[in-house]
């Protein structure tokens, strides 16, 4: 029947021990089963620990990946915004260039031949960066393209600043030239005699009249018709008392038959300043001002230089 194993089990206090016998095979089976359960529990505990560790590591990696994804998305968004700013800067530079060209045209200054392009950048105008597609492009290529365009825009902005400096100087020069150009009536009154051939009021013979006569009451204010410097005040033969103003650029105006000069030789005058009073000095038929405009010494028609 096989080996049997005897067990002595304690009974209640004072009672004799109980004797229990069981087959050895059963005891061995129970022991093996217990060992199997213990081994299974050990494997389960190990797998659980390994799974838990792997899960924690996975969560940490996922968290790091989420942070990296957020950083990458932020970088891409910043690159996209930067691309938009580059395009906006390019647009503003083009607007400034067109504004400069219009001012040059209005001021009669020389314009360049950029043909709508950016100053300082040769060849065709750089295309706008595709800001809307920036998030789907590789960083390296987009950043390189933005770097190239920023270098070009920096050069364009420097050249545009230089162009504006030149424009300011040109406008100032043009303004000075315009200020020195006779352009207003020297006095109120009636045009009594024009420029060119006429019959002399004294001899009745043909003569050349090198100025414009404006008649009015004695003492009528006589105005400088442009900025300049008084170069002569005094008597000039038949022209009587006269004041002469040099405006530069070969331009000179003369005001004759005056009654009284209000400026002295060497004084600077501005357009519209009262420089004398109308009179009838010299050879004259009545109070008036004989007004002359001379360019490089040659008399020209003063009416061509009266805009008011």
Protein backbone atom coordinates (compact mmCIF):
# COMPACT_ATOMS: atom_id res chain seq x y z
CA UNK A 1 0.00 0.00 0.00
CA UNK A 2 3.09 2.35 0.13
CA UNK A 3 4.78 4.21 2.95
CA UNK A 4 2.63 6.00 5.42
CA UNK A 5 3.61 8.94 7.56
CA UNK A 6 2.41 9.23 11.12
CA UNK A 7 1.59 12.64 12.70
CA UNK A 8 1.08 13.25 16.39
CA UNK A 9 -1.42 16.07 16.94
CA UNK A 10 -1.86 17.62 20.35
CA UNK A 11 -5.30 17.45 21.78
CA UNK A 12 -7.03 19.36 24.55
CA UNK A 13 -5.14 19.92 27.78
CA UNK A 14 -4.66 16.66 29.67
CA UNK A 15 -5.82 14.50 26.74
CA UNK A 16 -3.46 12.08 25.11
CA UNK A 17 -2.09 13.13 21.63
CA UNK A 18 -3.96 12.08 18.53
CA UNK A 19 -2.18 9.89 16.02
CA UNK A 20 -2.85 10.69 12.32
CA UNK A 21 -1.35 8.73 9.46
CA UNK A 22 -1.33 9.73 5.75
CA UNK A 23 0.15 8.24 2.63
CA UNK A 24 3.59 9.60 1.74
CA UNK A 25 2.51 10.27 -1.85
CA UNK A 26 -0.23 12.62 -0.65
CA UNK A 27 2.20 14.54 1.50
CA UNK A 28 4.62 14.81 -1.45
CA UNK A 29 1.82 16.00 -3.73
CA UNK A 30 0.78 18.63 -1.20
CA UNK A 31 4.39 19.78 -0.88
CA UNK A 32 4.84 19.98 -4.65
CA UNK A 33 1.55 21.86 -5.00
CA UNK A 34 2.64 24.31 -2.33
CA UNK A 35 5.97 24.83 -4.05
CA UNK A 36 4.18 25.38 -7.37
CA UNK A 37 1.88 27.94 -5.79
CA UNK A 38 4.86 29.67 -4.16
CA UNK A 39 6.73 29.68 -7.50
CA UNK A 40 3.67 31.04 -9.30
CA UNK A 41 3.28 33.74 -6.68
CA UNK A 42 6.97 34.64 -7.01
CA UNK A 43 6.69 34.87 -10.79
CA UNK A 44 3.51 36.92 -10.44
CA UNK A 45 5.12 39.29 -7.96
CA UNK A 46 8.18 39.66 -10.22
CA UNK A 47 6.04 40.26 -13.30
CA UNK A 48 3.91 42.77 -11.41
CA UNK A 49 6.99 44.62 -10.17
CA UNK A 50 8.53 44.57 -13.66
CA UNK A 51 5.25 45.72 -15.22
CA UNK A 52 4.89 48.48 -12.62
CA UNK A 53 8.46 49.63 -13.21
CA UNK A 54 7.96 49.56 -16.97
CA UNK A 55 4.70 51.45 -16.63
CA UNK A 56 6.34 54.17 -14.51
CA UNK A 57 9.21 54.45 -16.97
CA UNK A 58 6.73 54.64 -19.85
CA UNK A 59 4.78 57.38 -18.11
CA UNK A 60 7.98 59.36 -17.47
CA UNK A 61 9.03 58.95 -21.10
CA UNK A 62 5.57 59.95 -22.27
CA UNK A 63 5.66 63.04 -20.05
CA UNK A 64 9.07 63.96 -21.46
CA UNK A 65 7.78 63.39 -24.99
CA UNK A 66 4.77 65.58 -24.25
CA UNK A 67 7.07 68.34 -22.98
CA UNK A 68 9.28 67.97 -26.08
CA UNK A 69 6.21 68.06 -28.32
CA UNK A 70 4.99 71.21 -26.58
CA UNK A 71 8.42 72.83 -26.91
CA UNK A 72 8.60 71.81 -30.56
CA UNK A 73 5.13 73.18 -31.24
CA UNK A 74 6.06 76.44 -29.50
CA UNK A 75 9.28 76.69 -31.52
CA UNK A 76 7.40 76.06 -34.73
CA UNK A 77 4.80 78.67 -33.80
CA UNK A 78 7.57 81.17 -33.02
CA UNK A 79 9.22 80.41 -36.36
CA UNK A 80 5.88 80.90 -38.10
CA UNK A 81 5.36 84.24 -36.34
CA UNK A 82 8.91 85.27 -37.22
CA UNK A 83 8.26 84.43 -40.87
CA UNK A 84 5.16 86.63 -40.80
CA UNK A 85 7.17 89.49 -39.24
CA UNK A 86 9.82 89.16 -41.96
CA UNK A 87 7.12 89.40 -44.62
CA UNK A 88 5.60 92.44 -42.87
CA UNK A 89 9.02 94.11 -42.62
CA UNK A 90 9.60 93.50 -46.31
CA UNK A 91 6.22 95.04 -47.09
CA UNK A 92 7.01 98.13 -44.98
CA UNK A 93 10.38 98.56 -46.71
CA UNK A 94 8.69 98.37 -50.09
CA UNK A 95 6.14 100.97 -48.95
CA UNK A 96 8.92 103.27 -47.73
CA UNK A 97 10.76 102.82 -51.03
CA UNK A 98 7.66 103.77 -53.00
CA UNK A 99 7.05 106.76 -50.71
CA UNK A 100 10.64 107.90 -51.29
CA UNK A 101 10.19 107.56 -55.06
CA UNK A 102 6.98 109.63 -55.00
CA UNK A 103 8.66 112.38 -52.96
CA UNK A 104 11.56 112.45 -55.41
CA UNK A 105 9.17 112.77 -58.33
CA UNK A 106 7.21 115.52 -56.59
CA UNK A 107 10.39 117.40 -55.70
CA UNK A 108 11.87 117.00 -59.18
CA UNK A 109 14.78 114.93 -57.87
CA UNK A 110 16.47 112.05 -59.61
CA UNK A 111 14.89 108.63 -59.02
CA UNK A 112 16.65 105.27 -59.09
CA UNK A 113 15.80 102.25 -61.23
CA UNK A 114 14.86 99.70 -58.57
CA UNK A 115 11.65 98.92 -60.47
CA UNK A 116 9.66 98.34 -57.29
CA UNK A 117 12.34 96.20 -55.63
CA UNK A 118 14.13 96.55 -52.33
CA UNK A 119 17.17 98.85 -52.16
CA UNK A 120 20.51 97.09 -51.86
CA UNK A 121 19.16 93.73 -53.12
CA UNK A 122 20.11 92.78 -56.64
CA UNK A 123 18.06 90.49 -58.81
CA UNK A 124 14.37 89.68 -58.37
CA UNK A 125 12.49 90.52 -55.22
CA UNK A 126 12.70 87.66 -52.65
CA UNK A 127 9.47 85.70 -52.39
CA UNK A 128 7.46 85.94 -49.19
CA UNK A 129 8.07 83.17 -46.69
CA UNK A 130 5.20 80.67 -46.62
CA UNK A 131 4.18 81.45 -43.04
CA UNK A 132 1.00 79.36 -43.30
CA UNK A 133 3.04 76.28 -44.25
CA UNK A 134 5.89 76.97 -41.83
CA UNK A 135 4.74 74.38 -39.26
CA UNK A 136 4.97 71.56 -41.78
CA UNK A 137 8.47 72.38 -42.99
CA UNK A 138 11.80 71.29 -41.58
CA UNK A 139 13.30 73.76 -39.15
CA UNK A 140 16.76 73.83 -40.71
CA UNK A 141 15.60 74.78 -44.21
CA UNK A 142 13.11 77.39 -43.00
CA UNK A 143 15.54 78.96 -40.53
CA UNK A 144 18.22 79.11 -43.23
CA UNK A 145 15.80 80.82 -45.62
CA UNK A 146 14.76 83.29 -42.92
CA UNK A 147 18.41 84.01 -42.12
CA UNK A 148 19.13 84.75 -45.79
CA UNK A 149 16.12 87.04 -46.08
CA UNK A 150 16.97 88.85 -42.82
CA UNK A 151 20.49 89.50 -44.11
CA UNK A 152 19.01 90.95 -47.30
CA UNK A 153 16.48 93.04 -45.38
CA UNK A 154 19.19 94.40 -43.09
CA UNK A 155 21.14 95.52 -46.15
CA UNK A 156 17.96 96.97 -47.68
CA UNK A 157 17.13 98.90 -44.51
CA UNK A 158 20.62 100.44 -44.39
CA UNK A 159 20.38 101.46 -48.04
CA UNK A 160 16.87 102.84 -47.48
CA UNK A 161 18.15 104.94 -44.56
CA UNK A 162 20.93 106.29 -46.80
CA UNK A 163 18.40 106.99 -49.54
CA UNK A 164 16.22 108.96 -47.10
CA UNK A 165 19.26 110.97 -45.95
CA UNK A 166 20.02 111.81 -49.58
CA UNK A 167 16.35 112.64 -50.14
CA UNK A 168 16.31 115.01 -47.16
CA UNK A 169 19.41 116.78 -48.42
CA UNK A 170 17.95 116.94 -51.92
CA UNK A 171 14.66 118.37 -50.66
CA UNK A 172 16.53 120.91 -48.53
CA UNK A 173 18.62 121.92 -51.53
CA UNK A 174 15.50 122.07 -53.68
CA UNK A 175 13.73 124.08 -50.99
CA UNK A 176 16.65 126.53 -50.82
CA UNK A 177 16.58 126.83 -54.62
CA UNK A 178 12.82 127.45 -54.62
CA UNK A 179 13.17 130.01 -51.82
CA UNK A 180 15.74 131.85 -53.92
CA UNK A 181 13.57 131.83 -57.03
CA UNK A 182 11.50 135.02 -57.63
CA UNK A 183 7.85 134.01 -57.59
CA UNK A 184 5.61 136.82 -56.24
CA UNK A 185 4.52 140.33 -57.26
CA UNK A 186 6.93 142.95 -55.98
CA UNK A 187 4.08 145.39 -55.25
CA UNK A 188 0.35 145.95 -55.54
CA UNK A 189 -0.75 148.13 -58.42
CA UNK A 190 -1.42 148.31 -62.13
CA UNK A 191 0.89 146.81 -64.74
CA UNK A 192 1.66 149.99 -66.64
CA UNK A 193 4.38 148.72 -68.97
CA UNK A 194 5.48 145.22 -69.93
CA UNK A 195 8.74 143.52 -70.82
CA UNK A 196 10.20 143.79 -74.32
CA UNK A 197 9.87 146.25 -77.20
CA UNK A 198 7.77 149.35 -76.54
CA UNK A 199 7.45 153.00 -77.56
CA UNK A 200 9.43 155.25 -75.24
CA UNK A 201 7.10 157.50 -73.21
CA UNK A 202 9.76 160.22 -73.44
CA UNK A 203 10.95 160.08 -77.08
CA UNK A 204 8.17 158.15 -78.80
CA UNK A 205 10.84 155.95 -80.37
CA UNK A 206 10.99 152.15 -80.15
CA UNK A 207 13.10 150.87 -77.25
CA UNK A 208 13.70 147.68 -75.31
CA UNK A 209 12.14 147.69 -71.87
CA UNK A 210 14.07 145.22 -69.68
CA UNK A 211 11.57 145.02 -66.84
CA UNK A 212 7.96 145.30 -65.71
CA UNK A 213 6.43 148.56 -64.45
CA UNK A 214 3.82 148.46 -61.66
CA UNK A 215 2.18 151.81 -60.84
CA UNK A 216 0.61 152.78 -57.53
CA UNK A 217 0.66 155.56 -54.94
CA UNK A 218 3.92 156.92 -53.60
CA UNK A 219 5.02 154.99 -50.54
CA UNK A 220 3.42 151.69 -51.63
CA UNK A 221 5.46 148.83 -50.08
CA UNK A 222 7.86 147.03 -52.41
CA UNK A 223 8.54 143.39 -51.52
CA UNK A 224 11.52 141.10 -52.05
CA UNK A 225 10.28 138.44 -54.44
CA UNK A 226 12.64 135.74 -53.12
CA UNK A 227 15.24 135.09 -50.40
CA UNK A 228 18.57 136.79 -51.01
CA UNK A 229 21.10 139.43 -50.02
CA UNK A 230 20.96 143.13 -50.82
CA UNK A 231 23.99 143.91 -52.97
CA UNK A 232 23.28 147.52 -54.03
CA UNK A 233 21.34 150.50 -52.69
CA UNK A 234 21.73 153.85 -54.43
CA UNK A 235 21.24 155.97 -57.55
CA UNK A 236 21.39 154.32 -60.98
CA UNK A 237 21.09 157.07 -63.62
CA UNK A 238 17.68 157.20 -65.33
CA UNK A 239 16.46 154.37 -63.06
CA UNK A 240 16.73 156.71 -60.07
CA UNK A 241 17.04 155.19 -56.63
CA UNK A 242 17.36 151.43 -56.88
CA UNK A 243 17.82 148.39 -54.67
CA UNK A 244 19.36 145.18 -56.04
CA UNK A 245 18.99 141.72 -54.45
CA UNK A 246 21.19 138.74 -55.32
CA UNK A 247 19.31 135.42 -54.82
CA UNK A 248 22.15 133.09 -55.77
CA UNK A 249 22.09 130.52 -58.57
CA UNK A 250 22.64 133.37 -61.05
CA UNK A 251 19.33 135.07 -60.09
CA UNK A 252 19.16 138.83 -59.42
CA UNK A 253 16.18 141.17 -59.02
CA UNK A 254 16.25 144.98 -59.34
CA UNK A 255 13.70 147.47 -58.03
CA UNK A 256 14.05 150.99 -59.52
CA UNK A 257 12.43 154.44 -59.24
CA UNK A 258 11.94 153.85 -55.50
CA UNK A 259 11.35 156.67 -53.07
CA UNK A 260 13.10 155.11 -50.09
CA UNK A 261 15.14 151.96 -49.48
CA UNK A 262 14.32 150.12 -46.22
CA UNK A 263 17.24 147.67 -46.38
CA UNK A 264 20.96 148.28 -46.43
CA UNK A 265 23.61 146.71 -48.59
CA UNK A 266 24.70 143.37 -47.15
CA UNK A 267 21.41 142.64 -45.38
CA UNK A 268 19.70 139.28 -45.87
CA UNK A 269 16.04 139.33 -46.87
CA UNK A 270 13.26 136.76 -47.12
CA UNK A 271 10.55 136.50 -49.73
CA UNK A 272 7.80 138.96 -48.80
CA UNK A 273 10.01 141.32 -46.77
CA UNK A 274 9.35 145.02 -47.43
CA UNK A 275 12.59 146.34 -48.89
CA UNK A 276 11.57 149.76 -50.24
CA UNK A 277 8.76 152.22 -50.88
CA UNK A 278 7.43 153.10 -54.32
CA UNK A 279 8.39 156.50 -55.73
CA UNK A 280 9.15 158.38 -58.92
CA UNK A 281 12.90 158.96 -58.75
CA UNK A 282 15.00 159.14 -61.89
CA UNK A 283 13.37 159.46 -65.31
CA UNK A 284 9.76 158.59 -64.50
CA UNK A 285 6.27 159.69 -65.48
CA UNK A 286 4.79 158.94 -62.03
CA UNK A 287 5.05 156.72 -58.94
CA UNK A 288 5.80 153.15 -59.91
CA UNK A 289 8.40 150.41 -59.49
CA UNK A 290 10.49 149.20 -62.39
CA UNK A 291 11.00 145.49 -61.57
CA UNK A 292 13.65 143.39 -63.30
CA UNK A 293 14.57 139.70 -63.10
CA UNK A 294 17.99 138.76 -64.43
CA UNK A 295 19.44 135.28 -64.92
CA UNK A 296 23.21 135.19 -65.31
CA UNK A 297 23.10 138.90 -66.15
CA UNK A 298 20.47 138.66 -68.91
CA UNK A 299 17.02 140.23 -68.31
CA UNK A 300 14.03 137.88 -68.62
CA UNK A 301 10.31 138.54 -68.57
CA UNK A 302 9.33 139.13 -64.89
CA UNK A 303 5.77 137.95 -65.60
CA UNK A 304 7.15 134.42 -66.00
CA UNK A 305 8.30 134.65 -62.37
CA UNK A 306 5.05 135.90 -60.81
CA UNK A 307 2.88 133.06 -59.52
CA UNK A 308 0.42 135.02 -57.38
